[in-house]
Amino acid sequence: MKGTTFFLLLLFATKVYAAEPDMEEVKTLFESSAYSRSSADRLSKLLSKIDHSSPPLLICYKGVAEMMQAKYGFNPINKFRRFKRGKNLIEEAVKKEPDNLEIRFLRFVIQTNLPTFLNYNENIKEDKTYLLNNLQTTKDKKLKQDFLKYLSSSKLN
């Protein structure tokens, strides 16, 4: 009986651990998905098991992945549906963790790259200000570098 219980616990723990994707892979695929449909497809597949009970950062990346799928889609109705799903996931993540710099950066990047007719640009100034005011608090050097690089190369200066 103890052996069966141990085996079931081990199986469950392995399944839970395996369900959460590697963040380095997620971030790499995010960066390349802006230019590569295959990366966007891999990112979407990697995050397919993420749901509302997942960590907010993963929910946000899933929202970003939906937006990337919309970018590469052909059917305007499906593109808009994916955009809406992505927007809802990103906003859910921001609502759950409004002080998460990476989530705010992801929303900032998405909003600054979307066409204005989609009307998903109302947080650009807020996120930019928040990121500039709080960037020094992060220990994530890559996030800091990515934000400063993105800001210096964007048309938002």
C-alpha atoms as a PDB file:
ATOM      1  CA  MET A   1       0.000   0.000   0.000  1.00  0.00           C
ATOM      2  CA  LYS A   2       2.811   2.412   0.917  1.00  0.00           C
ATOM      3  CA  GLY A   3       4.562   1.579  -2.339  1.00  0.00           C
ATOM      4  CA  THR A   4       1.439   2.350  -4.358  1.00  0.00           C
ATOM      5  CA  THR A   5       0.898   5.635  -2.527  1.00  0.00           C
ATOM      6  CA  PHE A   6       4.527   6.635  -3.052  1.00  0.00           C
ATOM      7  CA  PHE A   7       4.317   5.744  -6.745  1.00  0.00           C
ATOM      8  CA  LEU A   8       1.126   7.799  -7.187  1.00  0.00           C
ATOM      9  CA  LEU A   9       2.658  10.786  -5.389  1.00  0.00           C
ATOM     10  CA  LEU A  10       5.780  10.525  -7.505  1.00  0.00           C
ATOM     11  CA  LEU A  11       3.709  10.271 -10.682  1.00  0.00           C
ATOM     12  CA  PHE A  12       1.596  13.283  -9.674  1.00  0.00           C
ATOM     13  CA  ALA A  13       4.648  15.364  -8.729  1.00  0.00           C
ATOM     14  CA  THR A  14       6.304  14.541 -12.047  1.00  0.00           C
ATOM     15  CA  LYS A  15       3.157  15.448 -13.961  1.00  0.00           C
ATOM     16  CA  VAL A  16       2.800  18.786 -12.126  1.00  0.00           C
ATOM     17  CA  TYR A  17       6.460  19.623 -12.645  1.00  0.00           C
ATOM     18  CA  ALA A  18       6.358  18.661 -16.315  1.00  0.00           C
ATOM     19  CA  ALA A  19       3.248  20.757 -16.888  1.00  0.00           C
ATOM     20  CA  GLU A  20       5.115  24.013 -16.350  1.00  0.00           C
ATOM     21  CA  PRO A  21       7.284  24.964 -19.329  1.00  0.00           C
ATOM     22  CA  ASP A  22      10.895  26.065 -19.066  1.00  0.00           C
ATOM     23  CA  MET A  23      10.895  29.875 -18.803  1.00  0.00           C
ATOM     24  CA  GLU A  24      14.123  30.287 -20.752  1.00  0.00           C
ATOM     25  CA  GLU A  25      12.590  28.416 -23.673  1.00  0.00           C
ATOM     26  CA  VAL A  26       9.398  30.486 -23.398  1.00  0.00           C
ATOM     27  CA  LYS A  27      11.397  33.737 -23.456  1.00  0.00           C
ATOM     28  CA  THR A  28      13.556  32.622 -26.373  1.00  0.00           C
ATOM     29  CA  LEU A  29      10.516  31.594 -28.396  1.00  0.00           C
ATOM     30  CA  PHE A  30       8.786  34.871 -27.522  1.00  0.00           C
ATOM     31  CA  GLU A  31      11.705  36.885 -28.888  1.00  0.00           C
ATOM     32  CA  SER A  32      11.935  34.894 -32.103  1.00  0.00           C
ATOM     33  CA  SER A  33       8.176  34.609 -32.654  1.00  0.00           C
ATOM     34  CA  ALA A  34       8.047  38.240 -33.768  1.00  0.00           C
ATOM     35  CA  TYR A  35       9.917  37.172 -36.908  1.00  0.00           C
ATOM     36  CA  SER A  36       9.225  33.461 -37.192  1.00  0.00           C
ATOM     37  CA  ARG A  37       5.890  31.737 -37.552  1.00  0.00           C
ATOM     38  CA  SER A  38       7.411  28.398 -36.565  1.00  0.00           C
ATOM     39  CA  SER A  39       8.642  29.935 -33.295  1.00  0.00           C
ATOM     40  CA  ALA A  40       5.177  31.389 -32.699  1.00  0.00           C
ATOM     41  CA  ASP A  41       3.674  27.944 -33.312  1.00  0.00           C
ATOM     42  CA  ARG A  42       6.154  26.306 -30.925  1.00  0.00           C
ATOM     43  CA  LEU A  43       5.462  28.952 -28.270  1.00  0.00           C
ATOM     44  CA  SER A  44       1.731  28.402 -28.593  1.00  0.00           C
ATOM     45  CA  LYS A  45       2.134  24.635 -28.320  1.00  0.00           C
ATOM     46  CA  LEU A  46       4.472  24.938 -25.332  1.00  0.00           C
ATOM     47  CA  LEU A  47       1.900  27.063 -23.492  1.00  0.00           C
ATOM     48  CA  SER A  48      -1.179  25.096 -24.552  1.00  0.00           C
ATOM     49  CA  LYS A  49      -1.672  23.579 -21.070  1.00  0.00           C
ATOM     50  CA  ILE A  50      -1.537  26.931 -19.283  1.00  0.00           C
ATOM     51  CA  ASP A  51      -4.881  27.859 -17.730  1.00  0.00           C
ATOM     52  CA  HIS A  52      -6.338  30.386 -15.301  1.00  0.00           C
ATOM     53  CA  SER A  53      -4.814  28.569 -12.311  1.00  0.00           C
ATOM     54  CA  SER A  54      -1.285  28.832 -13.739  1.00  0.00           C
ATOM     55  CA  PRO A  55       1.221  31.451 -12.574  1.00  0.00           C
ATOM     56  CA  PRO A  56       0.319  34.917 -13.918  1.00  0.00           C
ATOM     57  CA  LEU A  57       3.567  35.256 -15.875  1.00  0.00           C
ATOM     58  CA  LEU A  58       2.750  32.099 -17.837  1.00  0.00           C
ATOM     59  CA  ILE A  59      -0.813  33.326 -18.383  1.00  0.00           C
ATOM     60  CA  CYS A  60       0.646  36.527 -19.805  1.00  0.00           C
ATOM     61  CA  TYR A  61       2.998  34.639 -22.116  1.00  0.00           C
ATOM     62  CA  LYS A  62       0.048  32.541 -23.285  1.00  0.00           C
ATOM     63  CA  GLY A  63      -1.767  35.788 -24.091  1.00  0.00           C
ATOM     64  CA  VAL A  64       1.262  36.967 -26.033  1.00  0.00           C
ATOM     65  CA  ALA A  65       1.359  33.621 -27.862  1.00  0.00           C
ATOM     66  CA  GLU A  66      -2.299  34.090 -28.858  1.00  0.00           C
ATOM     67  CA  MET A  67      -1.448  37.536 -30.208  1.00  0.00           C
ATOM     68  CA  MET A  68       1.419  36.066 -32.212  1.00  0.00           C
ATOM     69  CA  GLN A  69      -0.898  33.449 -33.684  1.00  0.00           C
ATOM     70  CA  ALA A  70      -3.233  36.282 -34.687  1.00  0.00           C
ATOM     71  CA  LYS A  71      -0.327  38.012 -36.402  1.00  0.00           C
ATOM     72  CA  TYR A  72       0.351  35.004 -38.600  1.00  0.00           C
ATOM     73  CA  GLY A  73      -3.277  34.064 -39.252  1.00  0.00           C
ATOM     74  CA  PHE A  74      -5.127  34.637 -42.521  1.00  0.00           C
ATOM     75  CA  ASN A  75      -8.804  34.668 -41.607  1.00  0.00           C
ATOM     76  CA  PRO A  76      -9.717  38.121 -40.196  1.00  0.00           C
ATOM     77  CA  ILE A  77     -12.390  36.680 -37.900  1.00  0.00           C
ATOM     78  CA  ASN A  78      -9.996  34.123 -36.419  1.00  0.00           C
ATOM     79  CA  LYS A  79      -7.274  36.765 -36.122  1.00  0.00           C
ATOM     80  CA  PHE A  80      -9.616  39.005 -34.136  1.00  0.00           C
ATOM     81  CA  ARG A  81     -10.717  36.121 -31.900  1.00  0.00           C
ATOM     82  CA  ARG A  82      -7.104  35.288 -31.107  1.00  0.00           C
ATOM     83  CA  PHE A  83      -6.372  38.949 -30.450  1.00  0.00           C
ATOM     84  CA  LYS A  84      -9.290  39.134 -27.989  1.00  0.00           C
ATOM     85  CA  ARG A  85      -8.225  35.915 -26.218  1.00  0.00           C
ATOM     86  CA  GLY A  86      -4.670  37.188 -25.980  1.00  0.00           C
ATOM     87  CA  LYS A  87      -5.769  40.567 -24.659  1.00  0.00           C
ATOM     88  CA  ASN A  88      -7.971  38.943 -22.012  1.00  0.00           C
ATOM     89  CA  LEU A  89      -5.137  36.675 -20.858  1.00  0.00           C
ATOM     90  CA  ILE A  90      -2.647  39.539 -20.668  1.00  0.00           C
ATOM     91  CA  GLU A  91      -5.085  41.680 -18.704  1.00  0.00           C
ATOM     92  CA  GLU A  92      -5.854  38.755 -16.375  1.00  0.00           C
ATOM     93  CA  ALA A  93      -2.133  38.402 -15.662  1.00  0.00           C
ATOM     94  CA  VAL A  94      -1.745  42.138 -15.009  1.00  0.00           C
ATOM     95  CA  LYS A  95      -4.748  42.080 -12.685  1.00  0.00           C
ATOM     96  CA  LYS A  96      -3.316  39.127 -10.732  1.00  0.00           C
ATOM     97  CA  GLU A  97       0.204  40.602 -10.465  1.00  0.00           C
ATOM     98  CA  PRO A  98       0.136  44.324 -11.268  1.00  0.00           C
ATOM     99  CA  ASP A  99       3.634  44.837  -9.852  1.00  0.00           C
ATOM    100  CA  ASN A 100       5.303  42.167 -11.983  1.00  0.00           C
ATOM    101  CA  LEU A 101       7.784  44.014 -14.200  1.00  0.00           C
ATOM    102  CA  GLU A 102       7.961  41.290 -16.820  1.00  0.00           C
ATOM    103  CA  ILE A 103       4.185  41.151 -17.215  1.00  0.00           C
ATOM    104  CA  ARG A 104       4.050  44.931 -17.546  1.00  0.00           C
ATOM    105  CA  PHE A 105       6.906  44.826 -20.080  1.00  0.00           C
ATOM    106  CA  LEU A 106       5.121  42.198 -22.157  1.00  0.00           C
ATOM    107  CA  ARG A 107       1.931  44.254 -22.214  1.00  0.00           C
ATOM    108  CA  PHE A 108       3.981  47.338 -23.135  1.00  0.00           C
ATOM    109  CA  VAL A 109       5.659  45.540 -26.044  1.00  0.00           C
ATOM    110  CA  ILE A 110       2.364  44.158 -27.327  1.00  0.00           C
ATOM    111  CA  GLN A 111       0.502  47.458 -27.077  1.00  0.00           C
ATOM    112  CA  THR A 112       3.263  49.427 -28.796  1.00  0.00           C
ATOM    113  CA  ASN A 113       3.289  47.000 -31.731  1.00  0.00           C
ATOM    114  CA  LEU A 114      -0.426  46.621 -32.386  1.00  0.00           C
ATOM    115  CA  PRO A 115      -2.304  48.662 -34.974  1.00  0.00           C
ATOM    116  CA  THR A 116      -4.121  51.558 -33.309  1.00  0.00           C
ATOM    117  CA  PHE A 117      -7.498  50.551 -34.762  1.00  0.00           C
ATOM    118  CA  LEU A 118      -7.551  47.620 -32.313  1.00  0.00           C
ATOM    119  CA  ASN A 119      -7.779  50.131 -29.449  1.00  0.00           C
ATOM    120  CA  TYR A 120      -5.467  48.195 -27.173  1.00  0.00           C
ATOM    121  CA  ASN A 121      -3.005  50.951 -26.400  1.00  0.00           C
ATOM    122  CA  GLU A 122      -4.415  52.637 -23.317  1.00  0.00           C
ATOM    123  CA  ASN A 123      -1.669  51.411 -20.956  1.00  0.00           C
ATOM    124  CA  ILE A 124       1.427  52.382 -22.940  1.00  0.00           C
ATOM    125  CA  LYS A 125       2.298  55.515 -20.961  1.00  0.00           C
ATOM    126  CA  GLU A 126       1.322  53.925 -17.651  1.00  0.00           C
ATOM    127  CA  ASP A 127       3.477  50.837 -18.279  1.00  0.00           C
ATOM    128  CA  LYS A 128       6.408  52.859 -19.596  1.00  0.00           C
ATOM    129  CA  THR A 129       6.352  55.087 -16.507  1.00  0.00           C
ATOM    130  CA  TYR A 130       5.972  52.091 -14.191  1.00  0.00           C
ATOM    131  CA  LEU A 131       8.862  50.270 -15.850  1.00  0.00           C
ATOM    132  CA  LEU A 132      11.154  53.301 -15.798  1.00  0.00           C
ATOM    133  CA  ASN A 133      10.365  53.955 -12.133  1.00  0.00           C
ATOM    134  CA  ASN A 134      10.795  50.354 -10.995  1.00  0.00           C
ATOM    135  CA  LEU A 135      13.370  48.825 -13.305  1.00  0.00           C
ATOM    136  CA  GLN A 136      16.177  49.319 -10.794  1.00  0.00           C
ATOM    137  CA  THR A 137      14.357  47.024  -8.346  1.00  0.00           C
ATOM    138  CA  THR A 138      14.706  43.932 -10.518  1.00  0.00           C
ATOM    139  CA  LYS A 139      17.597  41.527 -10.256  1.00  0.00           C
ATOM    140  CA  ASP A 140      16.800  40.238 -13.746  1.00  0.00           C
ATOM    141  CA  LYS A 141      19.573  41.855 -15.788  1.00  0.00           C
ATOM    142  CA  LYS A 142      18.229  40.500 -19.070  1.00  0.00           C
ATOM    143  CA  LEU A 143      14.797  42.007 -18.462  1.00  0.00           C
ATOM    144  CA  LYS A 144      16.430  45.340 -17.683  1.00  0.00           C
ATOM    145  CA  GLN A 145      18.587  45.156 -20.821  1.00  0.00           C
ATOM    146  CA  ASP A 146      15.655  44.088 -22.983  1.00  0.00           C
ATOM    147  CA  PHE A 147      13.491  46.959 -21.779  1.00  0.00           C
ATOM    148  CA  LEU A 148      16.191  49.597 -22.256  1.00  0.00           C
ATOM    149  CA  LYS A 149      17.099  48.185 -25.667  1.00  0.00           C
ATOM    150  CA  TYR A 150      13.451  48.096 -26.720  1.00  0.00           C
ATOM    151  CA  LEU A 151      12.833  51.613 -25.453  1.00  0.00           C
ATOM    152  CA  SER A 152      15.880  53.040 -27.237  1.00  0.00           C
ATOM    153  CA  SER A 153      14.986  51.346 -30.524  1.00  0.00           C
ATOM    154  CA  SER A 154      11.276  52.122 -30.458  1.00  0.00           C
ATOM    155  CA  LYS A 155       9.503  55.186 -31.767  1.00  0.00           C
ATOM    156  CA  LEU A 156       8.222  56.002 -28.261  1.00  0.00           C
ATOM    157  CA  ASN A 157      11.103  58.104 -26.954  1.00  0.00           C
END
